[in-house]
PDB file of all heavy atoms in Angstrom:
ATOM      1  N   THR A   1     -22.264  -3.075  23.186  1.00  0.00           N
ATOM      2  CA  THR A   1     -20.990  -3.535  22.812  1.00  0.00           C
ATOM      3  C   THR A   1     -19.892  -3.092  23.793  1.00  0.00           C
ATOM      4  O   THR A   1     -18.805  -3.692  23.851  1.00  0.00           O
ATOM      5  CB  THR A   1     -20.586  -3.047  21.425  1.00  0.00           C
ATOM      6  OG1 THR A   1     -20.618  -1.632  21.394  1.00  0.00           O
ATOM      7  CG2 THR A   1     -21.485  -3.639  20.346  1.00  0.00           C
ATOM      8  N   GLU A   2     -20.102  -2.045  24.542  1.00  0.00           N
ATOM      9  CA  GLU A   2     -19.130  -1.600  25.523  1.00  0.00           C
ATOM     10  C   GLU A   2     -19.818  -0.872  26.639  1.00  0.00           C
ATOM     11  O   GLU A   2     -20.959  -0.476  26.510  1.00  0.00           O
ATOM     12  CB  GLU A   2     -18.087  -0.752  24.836  1.00  0.00           C
ATOM     13  CG  GLU A   2     -18.620   0.493  24.161  1.00  0.00           C
ATOM     14  CD  GLU A   2     -17.558   1.214  23.376  1.00  0.00           C
ATOM     15  OE1 GLU A   2     -16.881   0.608  22.556  1.00  0.00           O
ATOM     16  OE2 GLU A   2     -17.417   2.427  23.662  1.00  0.00           O
ATOM     17  N   THR A   3     -19.127  -0.661  27.724  1.00  0.00           N
ATOM     18  CA  THR A   3     -19.700   0.037  28.850  1.00  0.00           C
ATOM     19  C   THR A   3     -19.067   1.410  28.952  1.00  0.00           C
ATOM     20  O   THR A   3     -17.872   1.575  28.792  1.00  0.00           O
ATOM     21  CB  THR A   3     -19.375  -0.729  30.185  1.00  0.00           C
ATOM     22  OG1 THR A   3     -19.891  -2.075  30.029  1.00  0.00           O
ATOM     23  CG2 THR A   3     -19.988  -0.088  31.344  1.00  0.00           C
ATOM     24  N   ASN A   4     -19.903   2.365  29.176  1.00  0.00           N
ATOM     25  CA  ASN A   4     -19.460   3.769  29.415  1.00  0.00           C
ATOM     26  C   ASN A   4     -18.721   3.781  30.695  1.00  0.00           C
ATOM     27  O   ASN A   4     -19.272   3.497  31.789  1.00  0.00           O
ATOM     28  CB  ASN A   4     -20.661   4.699  29.381  1.00  0.00           C
ATOM     29  CG  ASN A   4     -20.259   6.150  29.527  1.00  0.00           C
ATOM     30  OD1 ASN A   4     -19.263   6.474  30.217  1.00  0.00           O
ATOM     31  ND2 ASN A   4     -20.989   7.016  28.887  1.00  0.00           N
ATOM     32  N   LYS A   5     -17.449   4.165  30.783  1.00  0.00           N
ATOM     33  CA  LYS A   5     -16.607   4.074  31.961  1.00  0.00           C
ATOM     34  C   LYS A   5     -17.114   5.060  33.034  1.00  0.00           C
ATOM     35  O   LYS A   5     -16.904   4.831  34.217  1.00  0.00           O
ATOM     36  CB  LYS A   5     -15.162   4.397  31.621  1.00  0.00           C
ATOM     37  CG  LYS A   5     -14.585   3.403  30.648  1.00  0.00           C
ATOM     38  CD  LYS A   5     -14.572   1.986  31.153  1.00  0.00           C
ATOM     39  CE  LYS A   5     -13.936   1.087  30.178  1.00  0.00           C
ATOM     40  NZ  LYS A   5     -14.252  -0.291  30.354  1.00  0.00           N
ATOM     41  N   VAL A   6     -17.793   6.138  32.660  1.00  0.00           N
ATOM     42  CA  VAL A   6     -18.223   7.120  33.634  1.00  0.00           C
ATOM     43  C   VAL A   6     -19.441   6.603  34.381  1.00  0.00           C
ATOM     44  O   VAL A   6     -19.511   6.708  35.646  1.00  0.00           O
ATOM     45  CB  VAL A   6     -18.565   8.497  32.930  1.00  0.00           C
ATOM     46  CG1 VAL A   6     -19.143   9.448  33.951  1.00  0.00           C
ATOM     47  CG2 VAL A   6     -17.356   9.002  32.262  1.00  0.00           C
ATOM     48  N   SER A   7     -20.395   6.054  33.729  1.00  0.00           N
ATOM     49  CA  SER A   7     -21.679   5.681  34.358  1.00  0.00           C
ATOM     50  C   SER A   7     -21.884   4.143  34.445  1.00  0.00           C
ATOM     51  O   SER A   7     -22.892   3.719  35.016  1.00  0.00           O
ATOM     52  CB  SER A   7     -22.834   6.294  33.621  1.00  0.00           C
ATOM     53  OG  SER A   7     -22.880   5.804  32.277  1.00  0.00           O
ATOM     54  N   ASP A   8     -20.980   3.370  33.877  1.00  0.00           N
ATOM     55  CA  ASP A   8     -21.163   1.921  33.795  1.00  0.00           C
ATOM     56  C   ASP A   8     -22.496   1.500  33.159  1.00  0.00           C
ATOM     57  O   ASP A   8     -23.029   0.422  33.436  1.00  0.00           O
ATOM     58  CB  ASP A   8     -21.002   1.236  35.186  1.00  0.00           C
ATOM     59  CG  ASP A   8     -19.618   1.280  35.674  1.00  0.00           C
ATOM     60  OD1 ASP A   8     -18.700   1.216  34.801  1.00  0.00           O
ATOM     61  OD2 ASP A   8     -19.391   1.383  36.884  1.00  0.00           O
ATOM     62  N   VAL A   9     -22.992   2.326  32.273  1.00  0.00           N
ATOM     63  CA  VAL A   9     -24.223   2.027  31.515  1.00  0.00           C
ATOM     64  C   VAL A   9     -23.775   1.470  30.176  1.00  0.00           C
ATOM     65  O   VAL A   9     -22.920   2.068  29.514  1.00  0.00           O
ATOM     66  CB  VAL A   9     -25.087   3.284  31.342  1.00  0.00           C
ATOM     67  CG1 VAL A   9     -26.258   2.981  30.468  1.00  0.00           C
ATOM     68  CG2 VAL A   9     -25.514   3.824  32.726  1.00  0.00           C
ATOM     69  N   PRO A  10     -24.371   0.388  29.733  1.00  0.00           N
ATOM     70  CA  PRO A  10     -24.002  -0.137  28.413  1.00  0.00           C
ATOM     71  C   PRO A  10     -24.252   0.867  27.351  1.00  0.00           C
ATOM     72  O   PRO A  10     -25.305   1.563  27.318  1.00  0.00           O
ATOM     73  CB  PRO A  10     -24.906  -1.354  28.235  1.00  0.00           C
ATOM     74  CG  PRO A  10     -25.369  -1.722  29.543  1.00  0.00           C
ATOM     75  CD  PRO A  10     -25.388  -0.466  30.393  1.00  0.00           C
ATOM     76  N   THR A  11     -23.313   1.067  26.387  1.00  0.00           N
ATOM     77  CA  THR A  11     -23.481   1.884  25.253  1.00  0.00           C
ATOM     78  C   THR A  11     -24.100   1.040  24.142  1.00  0.00           C
ATOM     79  O   THR A  11     -23.565  -0.011  23.836  1.00  0.00           O
ATOM     80  CB  THR A  11     -22.141   2.480  24.824  1.00  0.00           C
ATOM     81  OG1 THR A  11     -21.560   3.133  25.922  1.00  0.00           O
ATOM     82  CG2 THR A  11     -22.321   3.412  23.620  1.00  0.00           C
ATOM     83  N   VAL A  12     -25.201   1.499  23.536  1.00  0.00           N
ATOM     84  CA  VAL A  12     -25.888   0.718  22.506  1.00  0.00           C
ATOM     85  C   VAL A  12     -25.398   1.148  21.179  1.00  0.00           C
ATOM     86  O   VAL A  12     -25.446   2.391  20.886  1.00  0.00           O
ATOM     87  CB  VAL A  12     -27.370   0.842  22.657  1.00  0.00           C
ATOM     88  CG1 VAL A  12     -28.105   0.069  21.569  1.00  0.00           C
ATOM     89  CG2 VAL A  12     -27.845   0.379  24.024  1.00  0.00           C
ATOM     90  N   THR A  13     -24.910   0.233  20.395  1.00  0.00           N
ATOM     91  CA  THR A  13     -24.508   0.543  19.019  1.00  0.00           C
ATOM     92  C   THR A  13     -25.127  -0.479  18.068  1.00  0.00           C
ATOM     93  O   THR A  13     -25.383  -1.587  18.470  1.00  0.00           O
ATOM     94  CB  THR A  13     -22.975   0.524  18.870  1.00  0.00           C
ATOM     95  OG1 THR A  13     -22.510  -0.767  19.244  1.00  0.00           O
ATOM     96  CG2 THR A  13     -22.335   1.612  19.686  1.00  0.00           C
ATOM     97  N   SER A  14     -25.326  -0.143  16.876  1.00  0.00           N
ATOM     98  CA  SER A  14     -25.882  -1.008  15.898  1.00  0.00           C
ATOM     99  C   SER A  14     -24.846  -2.075  15.518  1.00  0.00           C
ATOM    100  O   SER A  14     -23.660  -1.764  15.361  1.00  0.00           O
ATOM    101  CB  SER A  14     -26.390  -0.246  14.647  1.00  0.00           C
ATOM    102  OG  SER A  14     -26.779  -1.155  13.622  1.00  0.00           O
ATOM    103  N   ASN A  15     -25.288  -3.286  15.256  1.00  0.00           N
ATOM    104  CA  ASN A  15     -24.356  -4.278  14.849  1.00  0.00           C
ATOM    105  C   ASN A  15     -24.248  -4.416  13.323  1.00  0.00           C
ATOM    106  O   ASN A  15     -23.516  -5.185  12.789  1.00  0.00           O
ATOM    107  CB  ASN A  15     -24.748  -5.665  15.382  1.00  0.00           C
ATOM    108  CG  ASN A  15     -26.128  -6.118  14.966  1.00  0.00           C
ATOM    109  OD1 ASN A  15     -26.811  -5.402  14.318  1.00  0.00           O
ATOM    110  ND2 ASN A  15     -26.459  -7.308  15.357  1.00  0.00           N
ATOM    111  N   LYS A  16     -24.913  -3.551  12.587  1.00  0.00           N
ATOM    112  CA  LYS A  16     -24.841  -3.555  11.175  1.00  0.00           C
ATOM    113  C   LYS A  16     -23.973  -2.401  10.695  1.00  0.00           C
ATOM    114  O   LYS A  16     -24.205  -1.256  11.052  1.00  0.00           O
ATOM    115  CB  LYS A  16     -26.251  -3.356  10.560  1.00  0.00           C
ATOM    116  CG  LYS A  16     -26.295  -3.459   9.054  1.00  0.00           C
ATOM    117  CD  LYS A  16     -27.701  -3.451   8.532  1.00  0.00           C
ATOM    118  CE  LYS A  16     -27.694  -3.604   7.013  1.00  0.00           C
ATOM    119  NZ  LYS A  16     -29.003  -3.573   6.488  1.00  0.00           N
ATOM    120  N   VAL A  17     -22.945  -2.697   9.902  1.00  0.00           N
ATOM    121  CA  VAL A  17     -22.039  -1.706   9.378  1.00  0.00           C
ATOM    122  C   VAL A  17     -22.380  -1.507   7.911  1.00  0.00           C
ATOM    123  O   VAL A  17     -22.493  -2.427   7.167  1.00  0.00           O
ATOM    124  CB  VAL A  17     -20.559  -2.206   9.488  1.00  0.00           C
ATOM    125  CG1 VAL A  17     -19.614  -1.171   8.918  1.00  0.00           C
ATOM    126  CG2 VAL A  17     -20.244  -2.456  11.005  1.00  0.00           C
ATOM    127  N   SER A  18     -22.580  -0.205   7.504  1.00  0.00           N
ATOM    128  CA  SER A  18     -22.957   0.065   6.145  1.00  0.00           C
ATOM    129  C   SER A  18     -21.772  -0.200   5.211  1.00  0.00           C
ATOM    130  O   SER A  18     -20.614  -0.189   5.603  1.00  0.00           O
ATOM    131  CB  SER A  18     -23.421   1.546   5.996  1.00  0.00           C
ATOM    132  OG  SER A  18     -22.261   2.423   5.962  1.00  0.00           O
ATOM    133  N   PHE A  19     -22.075  -0.410   3.974  1.00  0.00           N
ATOM    134  CA  PHE A  19     -21.050  -0.652   2.942  1.00  0.00           C
ATOM    135  C   PHE A  19     -20.141   0.586   2.837  1.00  0.00           C
ATOM    136  O   PHE A  19     -18.915   0.398   2.676  1.00  0.00           O
ATOM    137  CB  PHE A  19     -21.757  -0.893   1.597  1.00  0.00           C
ATOM    138  CG  PHE A  19     -20.783  -1.377   0.509  1.00  0.00           C
ATOM    139  CD1 PHE A  19     -20.217  -2.632   0.583  1.00  0.00           C
ATOM    140  CD2 PHE A  19     -20.428  -0.572  -0.508  1.00  0.00           C
ATOM    141  CE1 PHE A  19     -19.373  -3.078  -0.357  1.00  0.00           C
ATOM    142  CE2 PHE A  19     -19.564  -0.985  -1.507  1.00  0.00           C
ATOM    143  CZ  PHE A  19     -19.035  -2.296  -1.419  1.00  0.00           C
ATOM    144  N   TYR A  20     -20.700   1.791   2.962  1.00  0.00           N
ATOM    145  CA  TYR A  20     -19.901   2.995   2.943  1.00  0.00           C
ATOM    146  C   TYR A  20     -18.874   3.012   4.072  1.00  0.00           C
ATOM    147  O   TYR A  20     -17.787   3.523   3.863  1.00  0.00           O
ATOM    148  CB  TYR A  20     -20.765   4.242   3.010  1.00  0.00           C
ATOM    149  CG  TYR A  20     -21.565   4.533   1.785  1.00  0.00           C
ATOM    150  CD1 TYR A  20     -22.786   5.230   1.908  1.00  0.00           C
ATOM    151  CD2 TYR A  20     -21.214   4.100   0.528  1.00  0.00           C
ATOM    152  CE1 TYR A  20     -23.556   5.451   0.792  1.00  0.00           C
ATOM    153  CE2 TYR A  20     -21.968   4.341  -0.600  1.00  0.00           C
ATOM    154  CZ  TYR A  20     -23.142   5.046  -0.465  1.00  0.00           C
ATOM    155  OH  TYR A  20     -23.896   5.312  -1.540  1.00  0.00           O
ATOM    156  N   GLU A  21     -19.233   2.499   5.230  1.00  0.00           N
ATOM    157  CA  GLU A  21     -18.299   2.496   6.324  1.00  0.00           C
ATOM    158  C   GLU A  21     -17.195   1.514   6.096  1.00  0.00           C
ATOM    159  O   GLU A  21     -16.057   1.672   6.619  1.00  0.00           O
ATOM    160  CB  GLU A  21     -19.034   2.201   7.641  1.00  0.00           C
ATOM    161  CG  GLU A  21     -19.937   3.359   8.089  1.00  0.00           C
ATOM    162  CD  GLU A  21     -20.817   2.980   9.283  1.00  0.00           C
ATOM    163  OE1 GLU A  21     -20.546   1.952   9.900  1.00  0.00           O
ATOM    164  OE2 GLU A  21     -21.753   3.681   9.530  1.00  0.00           O
ATOM    165  N   GLN A  22     -17.470   0.455   5.391  1.00  0.00           N
ATOM    166  CA  GLN A  22     -16.461  -0.589   5.077  1.00  0.00           C
ATOM    167  C   GLN A  22     -15.443  -0.041   4.065  1.00  0.00           C
ATOM    168  O   GLN A  22     -14.256  -0.318   4.166  1.00  0.00           O
ATOM    169  CB  GLN A  22     -17.127  -1.837   4.488  1.00  0.00           C
ATOM    170  CG  GLN A  22     -17.972  -2.563   5.512  1.00  0.00           C
ATOM    171  CD  GLN A  22     -18.736  -3.717   4.865  1.00  0.00           C
ATOM    172  OE1 GLN A  22     -18.246  -4.331   3.940  1.00  0.00           O
ATOM    173  NE2 GLN A  22     -19.939  -3.967   5.352  1.00  0.00           N
ATOM    174  N   ILE A  23     -15.963   0.656   3.062  1.00  0.00           N
ATOM    175  CA  ILE A  23     -15.077   1.234   2.025  1.00  0.00           C
ATOM    176  C   ILE A  23     -15.467   2.670   1.840  1.00  0.00           C
ATOM    177  O   ILE A  23     -16.268   2.982   0.972  1.00  0.00           O
ATOM    178  CB  ILE A  23     -15.195   0.468   0.710  1.00  0.00           C
ATOM    179  CG1 ILE A  23     -14.907  -1.022   0.937  1.00  0.00           C
ATOM    180  CG2 ILE A  23     -14.254   0.998  -0.379  1.00  0.00           C
ATOM    181  CD1 ILE A  23     -15.136  -1.929  -0.279  1.00  0.00           C
ATOM    182  N   PRO A  24     -14.952   3.600   2.647  1.00  0.00           N
ATOM    183  CA  PRO A  24     -15.397   5.010   2.615  1.00  0.00           C
ATOM    184  C   PRO A  24     -15.231   5.671   1.262  1.00  0.00           C
ATOM    185  O   PRO A  24     -16.011   6.541   0.890  1.00  0.00           O
ATOM    186  CB  PRO A  24     -14.522   5.668   3.657  1.00  0.00           C
ATOM    187  CG  PRO A  24     -14.006   4.600   4.528  1.00  0.00           C
ATOM    188  CD  PRO A  24     -13.926   3.372   3.656  1.00  0.00           C
ATOM    189  N   LEU A  25     -14.280   5.279   0.456  1.00  0.00           N
ATOM    190  CA  LEU A  25     -14.073   5.944  -0.814  1.00  0.00           C
ATOM    191  C   LEU A  25     -15.247   5.701  -1.793  1.00  0.00           C
ATOM    192  O   LEU A  25     -15.460   6.465  -2.680  1.00  0.00           O
ATOM    193  CB  LEU A  25     -12.751   5.512  -1.494  1.00  0.00           C
ATOM    194  CG  LEU A  25     -11.522   6.198  -0.880  1.00  0.00           C
ATOM    195  CD1 LEU A  25     -10.253   5.664  -1.558  1.00  0.00           C
ATOM    196  CD2 LEU A  25     -11.595   7.690  -0.992  1.00  0.00           C
ATOM    197  N   VAL A  26     -15.974   4.616  -1.560  1.00  0.00           N
ATOM    198  CA  VAL A  26     -17.145   4.370  -2.406  1.00  0.00           C
ATOM    199  C   VAL A  26     -18.106   5.498  -2.259  1.00  0.00           C
ATOM    200  O   VAL A  26     -18.700   6.036  -3.230  1.00  0.00           O
ATOM    201  CB  VAL A  26     -17.841   3.023  -2.039  1.00  0.00           C
ATOM    202  CG1 VAL A  26     -19.203   2.853  -2.724  1.00  0.00           C
ATOM    203  CG2 VAL A  26     -16.932   1.870  -2.449  1.00  0.00           C
ATOM    204  N   HIS A  27     -18.338   5.965  -1.023  1.00  0.00           N
ATOM    205  CA  HIS A  27     -19.228   7.092  -0.740  1.00  0.00           C
ATOM    206  C   HIS A  27     -18.737   8.337  -1.498  1.00  0.00           C
ATOM    207  O   HIS A  27     -19.509   9.050  -2.081  1.00  0.00           O
ATOM    208  CB  HIS A  27     -19.232   7.348   0.745  1.00  0.00           C
ATOM    209  CG  HIS A  27     -20.136   8.452   1.176  1.00  0.00           C
ATOM    210  ND1 HIS A  27     -21.526   8.405   1.078  1.00  0.00           N
ATOM    211  CD2 HIS A  27     -19.818   9.674   1.692  1.00  0.00           C
ATOM    212  CE1 HIS A  27     -22.013   9.501   1.537  1.00  0.00           C
ATOM    213  NE2 HIS A  27     -21.012  10.287   1.905  1.00  0.00           N
ATOM    214  N   ASN A  28     -17.403   8.526  -1.512  1.00  0.00           N
ATOM    215  CA  ASN A  28     -16.901   9.701  -2.216  1.00  0.00           C
ATOM    216  C   ASN A  28     -17.094   9.668  -3.717  1.00  0.00           C
ATOM    217  O   ASN A  28     -17.403  10.641  -4.366  1.00  0.00           O
ATOM    218  CB  ASN A  28     -15.366   9.855  -1.870  1.00  0.00           C
ATOM    219  CG  ASN A  28     -15.153  10.166  -0.437  1.00  0.00           C
ATOM    220  OD1 ASN A  28     -15.997  10.583   0.288  1.00  0.00           O
ATOM    221  ND2 ASN A  28     -13.942   9.790   0.006  1.00  0.00           N
TER     222      ASN A  28
END
């Protein structure tokens, strides 16, 4: 999704966002 500015290596991140990340208070 983005390039690391120091090494120009792609940073790999998951494209799936958990429900808890969408509404953090649910986790609480």
